[in-house]
Amino acid sequence: MSSLVLVINAGSSSIKYQLTDAVSGEAVAGGIIERIGQALSSVKHDGPDGRTKLEQPVPNHEAGIATILDLFATHGPDLREVTLTAVGHRVVQGGTRFTGPAVVDDSVEAAIEEWSALAPLHNPANLSGIRAARAAFPDVPHIAVFDTSFHSTLPPAAYTYAIDRELARKHSIRRYGYHGTSHQFVSRTTAELLGKDPSEVNVIVLHLGNGASASAVRGGVCVETSMGLTPLEGLVMGTRSGDLDPAMLIHLGRVAGMSLDDLDVMLNRESGMLGMSGFSDMRDIEDAVAAGDVNAITASEVYYHRIKGYVGNYYAQLGHVDAIAFTAGIGENDDAVRLNSLAGLGRLGIEIDPARNKVRSPEPRVISTDGSEVTVFVIPTNEELEIARQAVALVGA
């Protein structure tokens, strides 16, 4: 059986795609279409003959999929001449129905649409990509891989909010968690690097990008995660607040006259590092810190404080920690964030080697000291490969 999977990650105005060999892990080709629906869309394709960049109208996701097919046909490899095992799709919210990948049919599409209320910016876009790809590849299995699935193993103590239970049941209010595909890939890779089976390893994963989340993985099973009903809860992020006192929203509604929509925009787009410092990019913040900007210094301290608090919490929940793994854009590339987030945790057996931490590399690496009881890794995430692996496993089952 072929192990080639076309992975589609459709956003509201973009489609990220990759042709992946699920066995070798090779990214054969891939690219991204951005600004779908605008007068000119940006198209980038990386294939056997190098990088191709275009600017052309791409009015909708159907046109986007057609553009992708044309890019593969022109710049390789031609998808009409390879055998696809599956088309894998990233879907953000699978609710309580999907605890693993699913073969997409009309009923699965309907369920994805039903759960869109909890991911209104993501699920409808994911669904548009699925429908366009199913039309383009009607004879290939389509597999939906859900961000929430890896966190479906949370125990009730971790996923239950302390509100009226009937209200929570009626409106499906609980912690779902997100970035699950990344957390699953990184936690499994951590075990491999330790030379152990995932069932033998306890890992804390720190997925730090513009969106950020943490997870506690006991023996390959997720038992805690920082994001909740939505991706807003938990760590401080680029423009999202993370944890806060919910009474703050009531207070702002009363004293500032802010509507629900106002509060939504504030918490998701105007808060986090942007709200505190004026910058959402950690590189800009660190430049401002170096220049003595008091607001940037405070924002950085809040950011580190929140991460350290989650590490301590998850250490307590797991009881024993074998490894901590940093991943995603900031986690993989920002040595200052890694160092400051774990500073002062020597009593927990966590010691960073400053020289190792400074090394930049696209490869997984250890950044802890030889004497550190907890091994600290930097592991580049690969959600496309994880989706491809899950798709091949499901098709072959």
Protein backbone atom coordinates (compact mmCIF):
# COMPACT_ATOMS: atom_id res chain seq x y z
CA MET A 1 0.00 0.00 0.00
CA SER A 2 1.19 3.52 -0.80
CA SER A 3 2.08 5.69 2.15
CA LEU A 4 1.59 9.04 0.41
CA VAL A 5 -0.97 11.36 2.00
CA LEU A 6 -2.03 14.80 0.82
CA VAL A 7 -2.52 16.80 4.02
CA ILE A 8 -4.88 19.78 3.83
CA ASN A 9 -5.11 22.47 6.51
CA ALA A 10 -7.79 24.90 5.37
CA GLY A 11 -8.18 28.24 7.14
CA SER A 12 -10.79 30.91 6.57
CA SER A 13 -8.67 32.61 3.88
CA SER A 14 -5.86 30.13 3.35
CA ILE A 15 -5.03 26.53 2.48
CA LYS A 16 -1.80 24.99 3.71
CA TYR A 17 -0.99 21.67 2.04
CA GLN A 18 1.70 19.01 2.01
CA LEU A 19 2.29 15.73 0.20
CA THR A 20 3.82 13.53 2.89
CA ASP A 21 5.23 10.04 3.00
CA ALA A 22 3.83 8.72 6.27
CA VAL A 23 6.45 5.97 6.51
CA SER A 24 9.67 7.82 5.71
CA GLY A 25 8.44 11.12 7.12
CA GLU A 26 9.53 12.94 3.96
CA ALA A 27 7.67 16.05 2.90
CA VAL A 28 7.64 15.41 -0.85
CA ALA A 29 6.08 18.77 -1.75
CA GLY A 30 3.82 21.39 -0.26
CA GLY A 31 2.88 25.00 -0.01
CA ILE A 32 0.31 27.55 1.00
CA ILE A 33 -2.34 29.73 -0.62
CA GLU A 34 -3.13 32.89 1.32
CA ARG A 35 -5.64 35.74 0.97
CA ILE A 36 -8.27 33.51 -0.63
CA GLY A 37 -11.24 35.60 -1.70
CA GLN A 38 -9.26 38.82 -2.17
CA ALA A 39 -8.46 40.44 -5.49
CA LEU A 40 -5.06 38.73 -5.61
CA SER A 41 -4.10 35.68 -3.60
CA SER A 42 -0.55 34.71 -2.67
CA VAL A 43 0.51 31.23 -3.78
CA LYS A 44 3.70 29.40 -2.78
CA HIS A 45 4.57 25.85 -3.83
CA ASP A 46 7.73 23.93 -2.90
CA GLY A 47 8.29 20.93 -5.15
CA PRO A 48 11.00 18.93 -6.91
CA ASP A 49 11.93 21.89 -9.11
CA GLY A 50 12.21 24.36 -6.24
CA ARG A 51 9.97 27.15 -5.02
CA THR A 52 7.23 28.68 -7.14
CA LYS A 53 5.56 31.95 -6.15
CA LEU A 54 2.46 33.35 -7.80
CA GLU A 55 -0.08 36.10 -7.30
CA GLN A 56 -3.44 35.35 -8.88
CA PRO A 57 -7.15 35.40 -8.03
CA VAL A 58 -8.30 32.46 -5.91
CA PRO A 59 -11.93 33.29 -5.16
CA ASN A 60 -12.81 30.36 -2.88
CA HIS A 61 -11.62 27.03 -1.46
CA GLU A 62 -12.81 25.10 -4.51
CA ALA A 63 -10.60 27.30 -6.69
CA GLY A 64 -7.84 26.85 -4.12
CA ILE A 65 -7.91 23.06 -4.43
CA ALA A 66 -7.93 23.40 -8.24
CA THR A 67 -4.89 25.70 -7.99
CA ILE A 68 -3.10 23.12 -5.84
CA LEU A 69 -3.77 20.40 -8.43
CA ASP A 70 -2.41 22.65 -11.17
CA LEU A 71 0.72 23.39 -9.11
CA PHE A 72 1.40 19.70 -8.56
CA ALA A 73 0.79 18.96 -12.26
CA THR A 74 3.10 21.74 -13.42
CA HIS A 75 5.82 21.71 -10.80
CA GLY A 76 5.55 18.17 -9.48
CA PRO A 77 4.90 15.62 -8.47
CA ASP A 78 1.74 15.20 -10.56
CA LEU A 79 -0.96 13.86 -8.24
CA ARG A 80 -2.60 12.11 -11.19
CA GLU A 81 0.50 9.93 -11.50
CA VAL A 82 0.99 8.97 -7.84
CA THR A 83 -1.11 6.71 -5.65
CA LEU A 84 -2.59 8.57 -2.72
CA THR A 85 -3.45 6.48 0.32
CA ALA A 86 -5.63 9.27 1.67
CA VAL A 87 -6.27 12.96 1.92
CA GLY A 88 -5.82 14.01 5.54
CA HIS A 89 -7.60 17.06 6.92
CA ARG A 90 -6.91 19.05 10.05
CA VAL A 91 -10.12 19.85 11.92
CA VAL A 92 -9.90 21.99 15.05
CA GLN A 93 -12.97 20.96 17.07
CA GLY A 94 -14.32 17.42 17.22
CA GLY A 95 -16.22 17.78 20.48
CA THR A 96 -16.96 14.64 22.45
CA ARG A 97 -17.87 12.62 19.37
CA PHE A 98 -14.42 12.22 17.80
CA THR A 99 -11.79 10.67 20.04
CA GLY A 100 -9.61 9.74 17.08
CA PRO A 101 -9.41 10.24 13.31
CA ALA A 102 -12.53 9.60 11.23
CA VAL A 103 -13.22 8.64 7.64
CA VAL A 104 -15.13 11.58 6.22
CA ASP A 105 -18.62 10.94 4.92
CA ASP A 106 -21.72 13.12 4.89
CA SER A 107 -22.50 12.36 8.55
CA VAL A 108 -18.97 13.34 9.64
CA GLU A 109 -19.28 16.57 7.66
CA ALA A 110 -22.56 17.28 9.44
CA ALA A 111 -20.94 16.65 12.83
CA ILE A 112 -18.04 18.98 12.04
CA GLU A 113 -20.57 21.64 11.12
CA GLU A 114 -22.50 21.00 14.34
CA TRP A 115 -19.38 21.53 16.48
CA SER A 116 -18.60 24.78 14.67
CA ALA A 117 -20.29 26.75 17.44
CA LEU A 118 -17.24 26.05 19.61
CA ALA A 119 -14.73 26.89 16.85
CA PRO A 120 -16.49 29.43 14.62
CA LEU A 121 -13.26 30.72 13.07
CA HIS A 122 -11.89 27.27 12.31
CA ASN A 123 -14.40 24.48 11.73
CA PRO A 124 -16.31 26.19 8.89
CA ALA A 125 -13.01 26.81 7.08
CA ASN A 126 -11.85 23.25 7.72
CA LEU A 127 -15.15 22.04 6.32
CA SER A 128 -14.81 24.16 3.18
CA GLY A 129 -11.45 22.52 2.51
CA ILE A 130 -12.89 19.05 3.10
CA ARG A 131 -15.79 19.59 0.71
CA ALA A 132 -13.57 21.02 -2.01
CA ALA A 133 -11.04 18.20 -1.66
CA ARG A 134 -13.72 15.49 -1.64
CA ALA A 135 -15.02 16.86 -4.92
CA ALA A 136 -11.51 16.89 -6.39
CA PHE A 137 -10.56 13.42 -5.08
CA PRO A 138 -13.85 11.47 -4.99
CA ASP A 139 -12.18 8.04 -5.09
CA VAL A 140 -9.60 8.62 -2.32
CA PRO A 141 -10.43 8.16 1.40
CA HIS A 142 -10.62 11.47 3.25
CA ILE A 143 -9.57 11.37 6.89
CA ALA A 144 -10.38 14.06 9.44
CA VAL A 145 -7.84 14.42 12.27
CA PHE A 146 -9.11 16.54 15.15
CA ASP A 147 -7.07 18.90 17.34
CA THR A 148 -9.24 17.94 20.28
CA SER A 149 -8.90 14.15 19.97
CA PHE A 150 -5.63 13.75 21.86
CA HIS A 151 -7.15 15.56 24.82
CA SER A 152 -10.29 13.38 24.89
CA THR A 153 -8.54 11.22 27.52
CA LEU A 154 -8.67 13.98 30.14
CA PRO A 155 -10.24 12.68 33.37
CA PRO A 156 -13.40 14.39 34.66
CA ALA A 157 -11.40 16.25 37.30
CA ALA A 158 -9.41 17.91 34.52
CA TYR A 159 -12.15 18.64 31.98
CA THR A 160 -15.03 19.66 34.27
CA TYR A 161 -15.76 23.32 34.96
CA ALA A 162 -17.28 24.16 38.35
CA ILE A 163 -20.60 25.46 37.05
CA ASP A 164 -24.13 24.02 37.15
CA ARG A 165 -23.78 20.53 35.71
CA GLU A 166 -27.05 20.61 33.73
CA LEU A 167 -26.14 23.93 32.14
CA ALA A 168 -22.72 22.52 31.24
CA ARG A 169 -24.28 19.34 29.80
CA LYS A 170 -26.91 21.19 27.78
CA HIS A 171 -24.37 23.51 26.14
CA SER A 172 -21.42 21.08 25.92
CA ILE A 173 -19.29 23.19 28.24
CA ARG A 174 -16.07 21.45 29.30
CA ARG A 175 -12.35 21.61 28.64
CA TYR A 176 -11.58 20.24 25.17
CA GLY A 177 -8.00 21.38 24.60
CA TYR A 178 -6.38 22.25 21.28
CA HIS A 179 -3.07 21.78 19.43
CA GLY A 180 -3.61 18.10 20.15
CA THR A 181 -1.99 16.87 16.94
CA SER A 182 1.20 18.71 17.87
CA HIS A 183 1.12 17.52 21.49
CA GLN A 184 0.64 13.93 20.33
CA PHE A 185 3.51 14.09 17.82
CA VAL A 186 5.91 15.76 20.24
CA SER A 187 5.12 13.54 23.23
CA ARG A 188 5.60 10.40 21.12
CA THR A 189 8.84 11.75 19.64
CA THR A 190 10.08 12.55 23.15
CA ALA A 191 9.62 8.93 24.18
CA GLU A 192 11.46 7.76 21.05
CA LEU A 193 14.39 10.06 21.83
CA LEU A 194 14.54 8.64 25.35
CA GLY A 195 14.63 5.15 23.85
CA LYS A 196 11.39 4.15 25.55
CA ASP A 197 7.84 3.24 24.67
CA PRO A 198 5.39 6.13 25.17
CA SER A 199 3.63 4.05 27.84
CA GLU A 200 6.78 4.32 29.99
CA VAL A 201 7.23 8.09 29.84
CA ASN A 202 5.70 11.14 31.52
CA VAL A 203 6.13 14.33 29.48
CA ILE A 204 5.18 17.99 29.78
CA VAL A 205 4.81 19.51 26.31
CA LEU A 206 5.04 23.28 25.85
CA HIS A 207 3.67 24.30 22.44
CA LEU A 208 4.68 27.95 22.29
CA GLY A 209 3.75 29.95 19.22
CA ASN A 210 1.49 32.93 18.66
CA GLY A 211 -1.04 30.53 20.14
CA ALA A 212 0.34 28.61 23.10
CA SER A 213 -0.67 25.57 25.12
CA ALA A 214 0.75 23.07 27.58
CA SER A 215 -0.09 19.44 28.19
CA ALA A 216 0.72 16.75 30.73
CA VAL A 217 1.09 13.33 29.11
CA ARG A 218 1.26 10.28 31.36
CA GLY A 219 2.33 7.07 29.64
CA GLY A 220 1.30 8.37 26.21
CA VAL A 221 -2.11 9.55 27.47
CA CYS A 222 -2.98 13.23 27.87
CA VAL A 223 -4.24 13.92 31.40
CA GLU A 224 -4.12 17.74 31.49
CA THR A 225 -4.01 20.61 29.03
CA SER A 226 -4.13 24.38 29.32
CA MET A 227 -6.59 25.39 26.60
CA GLY A 228 -10.20 24.85 27.53
CA LEU A 229 -13.65 25.23 26.01
CA THR A 230 -11.92 27.44 23.43
CA PRO A 231 -8.28 28.17 22.58
CA LEU A 232 -8.44 31.30 24.78
CA GLU A 233 -7.75 29.68 28.15
CA GLY A 234 -4.32 28.95 29.61
CA LEU A 235 -0.95 30.48 28.76
CA VAL A 236 -0.41 34.09 27.70
CA MET A 237 -0.32 34.26 23.88
CA GLY A 238 0.50 36.77 21.17
CA THR A 239 -2.92 38.46 21.19
CA ARG A 240 -4.93 36.20 23.52
CA SER A 241 -5.18 36.75 27.26
CA GLY A 242 -5.05 33.21 28.57
CA ASP A 243 -6.30 32.71 32.13
CA LEU A 244 -8.13 35.57 33.83
CA ASP A 245 -10.81 36.19 36.44
CA PRO A 246 -14.16 35.77 34.61
CA ALA A 247 -15.66 38.49 36.81
CA MET A 248 -13.42 40.93 34.92
CA LEU A 249 -15.74 40.58 31.93
CA ILE A 250 -18.81 41.32 34.04
CA HIS A 251 -17.00 44.32 35.50
CA LEU A 252 -16.01 45.69 32.07
CA GLY A 253 -19.55 45.24 30.82
CA ARG A 254 -20.85 47.31 33.71
CA VAL A 255 -18.23 50.06 34.04
CA ALA A 256 -16.93 50.31 30.47
CA GLY A 257 -20.14 49.45 28.61
CA MET A 258 -18.38 46.74 26.62
CA SER A 259 -20.62 44.37 24.66
CA LEU A 260 -20.05 40.63 24.26
CA ASP A 261 -18.56 41.28 20.83
CA ASP A 262 -16.29 43.98 22.28
CA LEU A 263 -15.06 41.57 24.93
CA ASP A 264 -14.53 38.82 22.37
CA VAL A 265 -12.35 41.08 20.21
CA MET A 266 -10.42 42.38 23.22
CA LEU A 267 -9.61 38.94 24.65
CA ASN A 268 -8.74 37.24 21.35
CA ARG A 269 -7.15 40.01 19.29
CA GLU A 270 -6.06 42.84 21.59
CA SER A 271 -4.78 41.10 24.72
CA GLY A 272 -1.86 38.84 25.57
CA MET A 273 1.59 40.19 24.76
CA LEU A 274 0.10 42.76 22.38
CA GLY A 275 -2.17 44.17 25.05
CA MET A 276 0.56 44.37 27.68
CA SER A 277 3.50 45.55 25.58
CA GLY A 278 2.19 46.83 22.25
CA PHE A 279 3.93 43.96 20.42
CA SER A 280 2.63 40.50 19.55
CA ASP A 281 5.87 39.10 18.11
CA MET A 282 8.30 37.81 20.75
CA ARG A 283 11.28 39.05 18.71
CA ASP A 284 9.97 42.61 18.88
CA ILE A 285 9.28 42.23 22.58
CA GLU A 286 12.82 41.03 23.28
CA ASP A 287 14.25 43.97 21.33
CA ALA A 288 12.11 46.27 23.45
CA VAL A 289 13.27 44.52 26.63
CA ALA A 290 16.89 45.04 25.59
CA ALA A 291 16.10 48.74 25.09
CA GLY A 292 14.71 48.96 28.64
CA ASP A 293 11.01 49.18 27.75
CA VAL A 294 9.23 48.71 31.09
CA ASN A 295 6.00 47.43 29.54
CA ALA A 296 7.86 44.82 27.49
CA ILE A 297 9.83 43.73 30.56
CA THR A 298 6.63 43.28 32.56
CA ALA A 299 4.92 41.42 29.71
CA SER A 300 7.87 39.02 29.44
CA GLU A 301 7.83 38.38 33.17
CA VAL A 302 4.09 37.61 33.04
CA TYR A 303 4.69 35.25 30.10
CA TYR A 304 7.43 33.31 31.92
CA HIS A 305 5.50 33.32 35.19
CA ARG A 306 2.48 31.69 33.54
CA ILE A 307 4.54 28.97 31.83
CA LYS A 308 6.44 28.18 35.03
CA GLY A 309 3.15 27.92 36.93
CA TYR A 310 1.79 25.37 34.47
CA VAL A 311 5.02 23.36 34.59
CA GLY A 312 4.77 23.20 38.38
CA ASN A 313 1.08 22.29 38.25
CA TYR A 314 1.62 19.52 35.73
CA TYR A 315 4.65 18.22 37.62
CA ALA A 316 2.38 17.84 40.65
CA GLN A 317 -0.35 16.16 38.59
CA LEU A 318 2.07 13.68 37.01
CA GLY A 319 4.03 13.01 40.20
CA HIS A 320 7.10 12.11 38.16
CA VAL A 321 8.36 13.83 35.01
CA ASP A 322 10.82 12.25 32.60
CA ALA A 323 11.02 15.09 30.11
CA ILE A 324 9.85 18.56 29.14
CA ALA A 325 9.59 19.32 25.41
CA PHE A 326 9.49 22.78 23.85
CA THR A 327 7.94 23.05 20.39
CA ALA A 328 6.31 25.43 17.85
CA GLY A 329 7.70 28.73 16.58
CA ILE A 330 8.74 30.34 19.87
CA GLY A 331 9.48 27.10 21.70
CA GLU A 332 11.78 25.88 18.93
CA ASN A 333 13.59 29.14 18.21
CA ASP A 334 13.67 31.38 21.28
CA ASP A 335 16.40 30.41 23.73
CA ALA A 336 15.52 33.28 26.12
CA VAL A 337 11.96 32.01 26.52
CA ARG A 338 13.16 28.46 27.21
CA LEU A 339 15.76 29.59 29.74
CA ASN A 340 13.53 32.02 31.64
CA SER A 341 10.48 29.73 31.64
CA LEU A 342 12.36 27.02 33.55
CA ALA A 343 14.70 29.21 35.62
CA GLY A 344 14.85 28.38 39.32
CA LEU A 345 13.40 24.87 39.01
CA GLY A 346 16.56 23.04 40.03
CA ARG A 347 14.82 21.60 43.10
CA LEU A 348 12.48 19.83 40.68
CA GLY A 349 15.43 18.30 38.85
CA ILE A 350 15.16 20.70 35.91
CA GLU A 351 18.45 22.29 34.84
CA ILE A 352 19.07 24.01 31.51
CA ASP A 353 22.55 24.02 29.96
CA PRO A 354 22.93 27.62 28.67
CA ALA A 355 25.35 26.64 25.89
CA ARG A 356 23.16 23.82 24.59
CA ASN A 357 20.12 26.07 24.84
CA LYS A 358 21.76 28.68 22.60
CA VAL A 359 22.20 26.21 19.72
CA ARG A 360 19.82 26.73 16.80
CA SER A 361 18.98 23.66 14.75
CA PRO A 362 16.05 22.20 12.82
CA GLU A 363 16.74 18.87 14.53
CA PRO A 364 15.45 17.60 17.90
CA ARG A 365 18.00 18.28 20.64
CA VAL A 366 18.62 18.12 24.38
CA ILE A 367 19.13 21.45 26.14
CA SER A 368 19.32 20.24 29.74
CA THR A 369 22.53 19.49 31.63
CA ASP A 370 23.87 15.96 31.85
CA GLY A 371 22.97 15.95 35.54
CA SER A 372 19.38 17.17 35.09
CA GLU A 373 16.91 14.58 36.40
CA VAL A 374 14.36 15.83 33.87
CA THR A 375 15.56 15.81 30.27
CA VAL A 376 14.58 19.02 28.46
CA PHE A 377 14.18 18.78 24.70
CA VAL A 378 13.55 21.11 21.80
CA ILE A 379 11.48 19.13 19.29
CA PRO A 380 10.27 20.67 16.03
CA THR A 381 6.62 19.78 15.68
CA ASN A 382 5.30 18.14 12.51
CA GLU A 383 1.52 18.18 12.50
CA GLU A 384 1.39 17.26 8.81
CA LEU A 385 3.33 14.06 9.43
CA GLU A 386 1.15 13.22 12.43
CA ILE A 387 -1.99 13.70 10.34
CA ALA A 388 -0.50 11.54 7.55
CA ARG A 389 0.41 8.78 10.01
CA GLN A 390 -3.05 8.74 11.54
CA ALA A 391 -4.65 8.70 8.09
CA VAL A 392 -2.57 5.74 6.91
CA ALA A 393 -3.20 3.86 10.15
CA LEU A 394 -6.96 4.35 9.84
CA VAL A 395 -7.12 3.42 6.14
CA GLY A 396 -5.07 0.29 6.80
CA ALA A 397 -7.05 -0.76 9.85
